[in-house]
Amino acid sequence: MSMPSFRCPCCRNKLTVEVIFAHEGVRESVQHLVNAHPAGSRLLRPLLAYVGLFAPVKTDMRYERVASILGELLPIIKAGTVRDAHGQEWPAPMGYWCQAFEEMLARRDSGGLKLPLKSHGYLTAIVVGMSNKTAAKAEQHAEAQRAGHAGAGTAPSRMQATTINQPVPRAAVPESVLRAAGIHKAKQTGESV
């Protein structure tokens, strides 16, 4: 009698205890997942669901294929950067990957993806798009600062009325400065300077 089995909710593979502990592809997949990233708990479930997007429609996904997909993807995630179609490198922090996985799954649920996936191209395009938006916002902020529209204090201080061309009260010139200039002597003697 064989051990009970269950189906993975992400990749739809039938799993048994024997397979989990004895199959090399499963073991390699689990090792990739464990070593994915310190923030693995936020990443793991969406990552597994993303891997399920590569599953064939009519057959079970082979464990070696799961390990292969993870082996391709995890070094890109760990690198923290991604290249676009033109070869430009973009920052890709962990949050971008989590959001990209969620977006891919939402598109799957809405019928907007042709499954099974063949590559990571669409996923990396989403991450590049997020990085590009962030860079555009930073550039817009920098341009606003250069134009003098940013960093001018808090909103209430900018709203206070200011008067222009109002004379500034002059401070009295110290006696030592007057003496050094010879003005003090001129005042006392009544001579003009």
Protein backbone atom coordinates (compact mmCIF):
# COMPACT_ATOMS: atom_id res chain seq x y z
CA MET A 1 0.00 0.00 0.00
CA SER A 2 1.42 3.39 -0.96
CA MET A 3 1.52 6.46 1.22
CA PRO A 4 -1.27 9.03 0.88
CA SER A 5 -0.73 11.70 -1.73
CA PHE A 6 -1.90 15.24 -2.33
CA ARG A 7 -1.68 17.76 -5.15
CA CYS A 8 0.37 20.93 -4.87
CA PRO A 9 -2.01 23.92 -5.07
CA CYS A 10 0.52 25.86 -7.17
CA CYS A 11 2.07 23.44 -9.67
CA ARG A 12 -0.67 20.78 -9.45
CA ASN A 13 1.83 17.91 -9.06
CA LYS A 14 0.88 14.79 -7.16
CA LEU A 15 3.12 14.44 -4.12
CA THR A 16 3.73 11.59 -1.71
CA VAL A 17 6.06 11.34 1.24
CA GLU A 18 8.33 9.03 -0.78
CA VAL A 19 8.59 11.59 -3.58
CA ILE A 20 9.26 14.48 -1.23
CA PHE A 21 12.16 12.74 0.51
CA ALA A 22 13.58 10.54 -2.25
CA HIS A 23 13.21 12.42 -5.54
CA GLU A 24 16.30 14.40 -6.56
CA GLY A 25 14.31 17.06 -8.49
CA VAL A 26 12.09 17.71 -5.48
CA ARG A 27 15.08 17.93 -3.16
CA GLU A 28 16.84 20.35 -5.50
CA SER A 29 13.69 22.47 -5.81
CA VAL A 30 13.33 22.68 -2.05
CA GLN A 31 16.99 23.67 -1.70
CA HIS A 32 16.51 26.48 -4.21
CA LEU A 33 13.45 27.70 -2.32
CA VAL A 34 15.11 27.58 1.08
CA ASN A 35 18.08 29.59 -0.20
CA ALA A 36 16.05 32.03 -2.29
CA HIS A 37 16.26 35.09 -0.05
CA PRO A 38 16.10 36.11 3.63
CA ALA A 39 12.62 37.54 2.95
CA GLY A 40 11.52 34.14 1.70
CA SER A 41 8.22 34.07 3.57
CA ARG A 42 6.90 37.01 1.54
CA LEU A 43 8.38 35.55 -1.62
CA LEU A 44 7.81 31.82 -1.35
CA ARG A 45 4.08 31.42 -2.01
CA PRO A 46 3.91 33.85 -4.97
CA LEU A 47 7.12 32.32 -6.36
CA LEU A 48 5.67 28.81 -6.22
CA ALA A 49 2.46 29.99 -7.85
CA TYR A 50 4.55 31.66 -10.58
CA VAL A 51 6.42 28.40 -11.20
CA GLY A 52 3.01 26.79 -11.62
CA LEU A 53 2.41 29.08 -14.61
CA PHE A 54 4.98 26.96 -16.50
CA ALA A 55 3.03 23.71 -15.85
CA PRO A 56 1.76 21.89 -18.93
CA VAL A 57 -2.02 22.01 -19.33
CA LYS A 58 -2.67 18.28 -19.75
CA THR A 59 0.18 16.66 -17.82
CA ASP A 60 1.95 17.03 -14.51
CA MET A 61 4.98 19.23 -14.34
CA ARG A 62 8.21 17.28 -13.89
CA TYR A 63 10.16 18.02 -10.74
CA GLU A 64 13.29 18.55 -12.78
CA ARG A 65 11.46 21.32 -14.67
CA VAL A 66 10.49 22.98 -11.36
CA ALA A 67 14.13 22.85 -10.26
CA SER A 68 15.25 24.22 -13.63
CA ILE A 69 12.83 27.18 -13.51
CA LEU A 70 13.89 28.02 -9.96
CA GLY A 71 17.54 27.64 -10.91
CA GLU A 72 17.06 30.19 -13.72
CA LEU A 73 15.04 32.68 -11.71
CA LEU A 74 16.64 32.77 -8.26
CA PRO A 75 20.05 34.09 -9.35
CA ILE A 76 18.28 37.01 -11.07
CA ILE A 77 16.28 37.76 -7.92
CA LYS A 78 19.36 37.49 -5.69
CA ALA A 79 21.34 39.83 -7.97
CA GLY A 80 18.94 42.67 -7.19
CA THR A 81 19.11 43.93 -10.77
CA VAL A 82 17.44 42.99 -14.04
CA ARG A 83 18.20 43.80 -17.68
CA ASP A 84 15.60 45.09 -20.11
CA ALA A 85 15.32 44.10 -23.78
CA HIS A 86 17.89 46.77 -24.71
CA GLY A 87 20.47 45.52 -22.21
CA GLN A 88 20.04 48.36 -19.72
CA GLU A 89 20.36 47.24 -16.11
CA TRP A 90 17.66 48.30 -13.62
CA PRO A 91 17.47 47.93 -9.83
CA ALA A 92 15.18 45.09 -8.80
CA PRO A 93 14.64 44.94 -5.02
CA MET A 94 12.69 42.11 -3.43
CA GLY A 95 9.45 44.11 -3.22
CA TYR A 96 9.38 44.50 -7.00
CA TRP A 97 9.61 40.74 -7.48
CA CYS A 98 6.80 40.06 -5.02
CA GLN A 99 4.59 42.64 -6.76
CA ALA A 100 5.49 41.24 -10.18
CA PHE A 101 4.57 37.68 -9.11
CA GLU A 102 1.25 38.95 -7.78
CA GLU A 103 0.57 40.83 -11.02
CA MET A 104 1.35 37.72 -13.07
CA LEU A 105 -1.05 35.67 -10.96
CA ALA A 106 -3.76 38.33 -11.28
CA ARG A 107 -3.34 38.27 -15.06
CA ARG A 108 -3.58 34.48 -15.01
CA ASP A 109 -6.81 34.70 -13.01
CA SER A 110 -8.27 37.25 -15.42
CA GLY A 111 -7.32 35.13 -18.45
CA GLY A 112 -4.71 37.62 -19.64
CA LEU A 113 -1.83 35.12 -19.91
CA LYS A 114 -1.19 32.41 -22.46
CA LEU A 115 -0.22 29.36 -20.44
CA PRO A 116 2.05 27.56 -19.98
CA LEU A 117 4.73 30.24 -19.89
CA LYS A 118 7.90 29.58 -21.87
CA SER A 119 10.26 32.19 -20.36
CA HIS A 120 10.64 34.83 -17.67
CA GLY A 121 10.47 37.68 -20.19
CA TYR A 122 7.09 39.03 -19.15
CA LEU A 123 7.99 38.86 -15.45
CA THR A 124 11.24 40.76 -15.97
CA ALA A 125 9.41 43.33 -18.11
CA ILE A 126 7.05 44.00 -15.19
CA VAL A 127 10.01 44.44 -12.81
CA VAL A 128 11.76 46.76 -15.30
CA GLY A 129 8.55 48.79 -15.58
CA MET A 130 8.38 49.23 -11.80
CA SER A 131 12.03 50.27 -11.64
CA ASN A 132 11.54 52.67 -14.55
CA LYS A 133 8.56 54.32 -12.80
CA THR A 134 10.57 54.75 -9.61
CA ALA A 135 13.48 56.27 -11.56
CA ALA A 136 11.10 58.64 -13.36
CA LYS A 137 9.62 59.82 -10.04
CA ALA A 138 13.10 60.39 -8.61
CA GLU A 139 14.10 62.37 -11.72
CA GLN A 140 10.90 64.42 -11.53
CA HIS A 141 11.61 65.20 -7.88
CA ALA A 142 15.21 66.19 -8.69
CA GLU A 143 14.00 68.48 -11.50
CA ALA A 144 11.50 70.10 -9.14
CA GLN A 145 14.27 70.74 -6.64
CA ARG A 146 16.50 72.26 -9.33
CA ALA A 147 13.62 74.53 -10.35
CA GLY A 148 13.16 75.61 -6.73
CA HIS A 149 9.79 73.93 -6.24
CA ALA A 150 10.87 71.46 -3.62
CA GLY A 151 12.52 71.81 -0.25
CA ALA A 152 11.08 75.26 0.49
CA GLY A 153 9.89 74.36 3.96
CA THR A 154 6.57 73.11 5.12
CA ALA A 155 3.33 74.11 3.42
CA PRO A 156 2.23 76.52 6.23
CA SER A 157 5.56 78.37 6.19
CA ARG A 158 5.31 78.81 2.42
CA MET A 159 1.77 80.20 2.79
CA GLN A 160 2.75 83.02 5.19
CA ALA A 161 2.69 86.49 3.70
CA THR A 162 6.05 88.08 3.05
CA THR A 163 6.78 91.68 2.22
CA ILE A 164 9.20 92.55 -0.51
CA ASN A 165 11.40 95.66 -0.59
CA GLN A 166 10.79 96.48 3.04
CA PRO A 167 13.85 98.23 4.50
CA VAL A 168 15.93 96.10 6.79
CA PRO A 169 16.81 97.85 10.08
CA ARG A 170 20.51 98.55 10.26
CA ALA A 171 22.52 97.64 13.29
CA ALA A 172 24.71 100.23 14.90
CA VAL A 173 28.32 100.07 13.81
CA PRO A 174 30.59 99.09 16.69
CA GLU A 175 32.77 101.86 18.12
CA SER A 176 35.97 99.91 17.39
CA VAL A 177 35.12 99.78 13.68
CA LEU A 178 34.38 103.51 13.62
CA ARG A 179 37.69 104.25 15.30
CA ALA A 180 39.58 102.04 12.88
CA ALA A 181 38.02 103.87 9.95
CA GLY A 182 38.77 107.24 11.46
CA ILE A 183 35.10 108.19 11.53
CA HIS A 184 34.89 108.57 15.28
CA LYS A 185 37.60 111.19 15.24
CA ALA A 186 35.85 113.11 12.49
CA LYS A 187 32.58 113.25 14.43
CA GLN A 188 34.25 114.57 17.52
CA THR A 189 36.19 117.27 15.70
CA GLY A 190 33.32 118.21 13.41
CA GLU A 191 35.37 117.63 10.31
CA SER A 192 33.81 115.91 7.33
CA VAL A 193 35.24 112.69 6.13
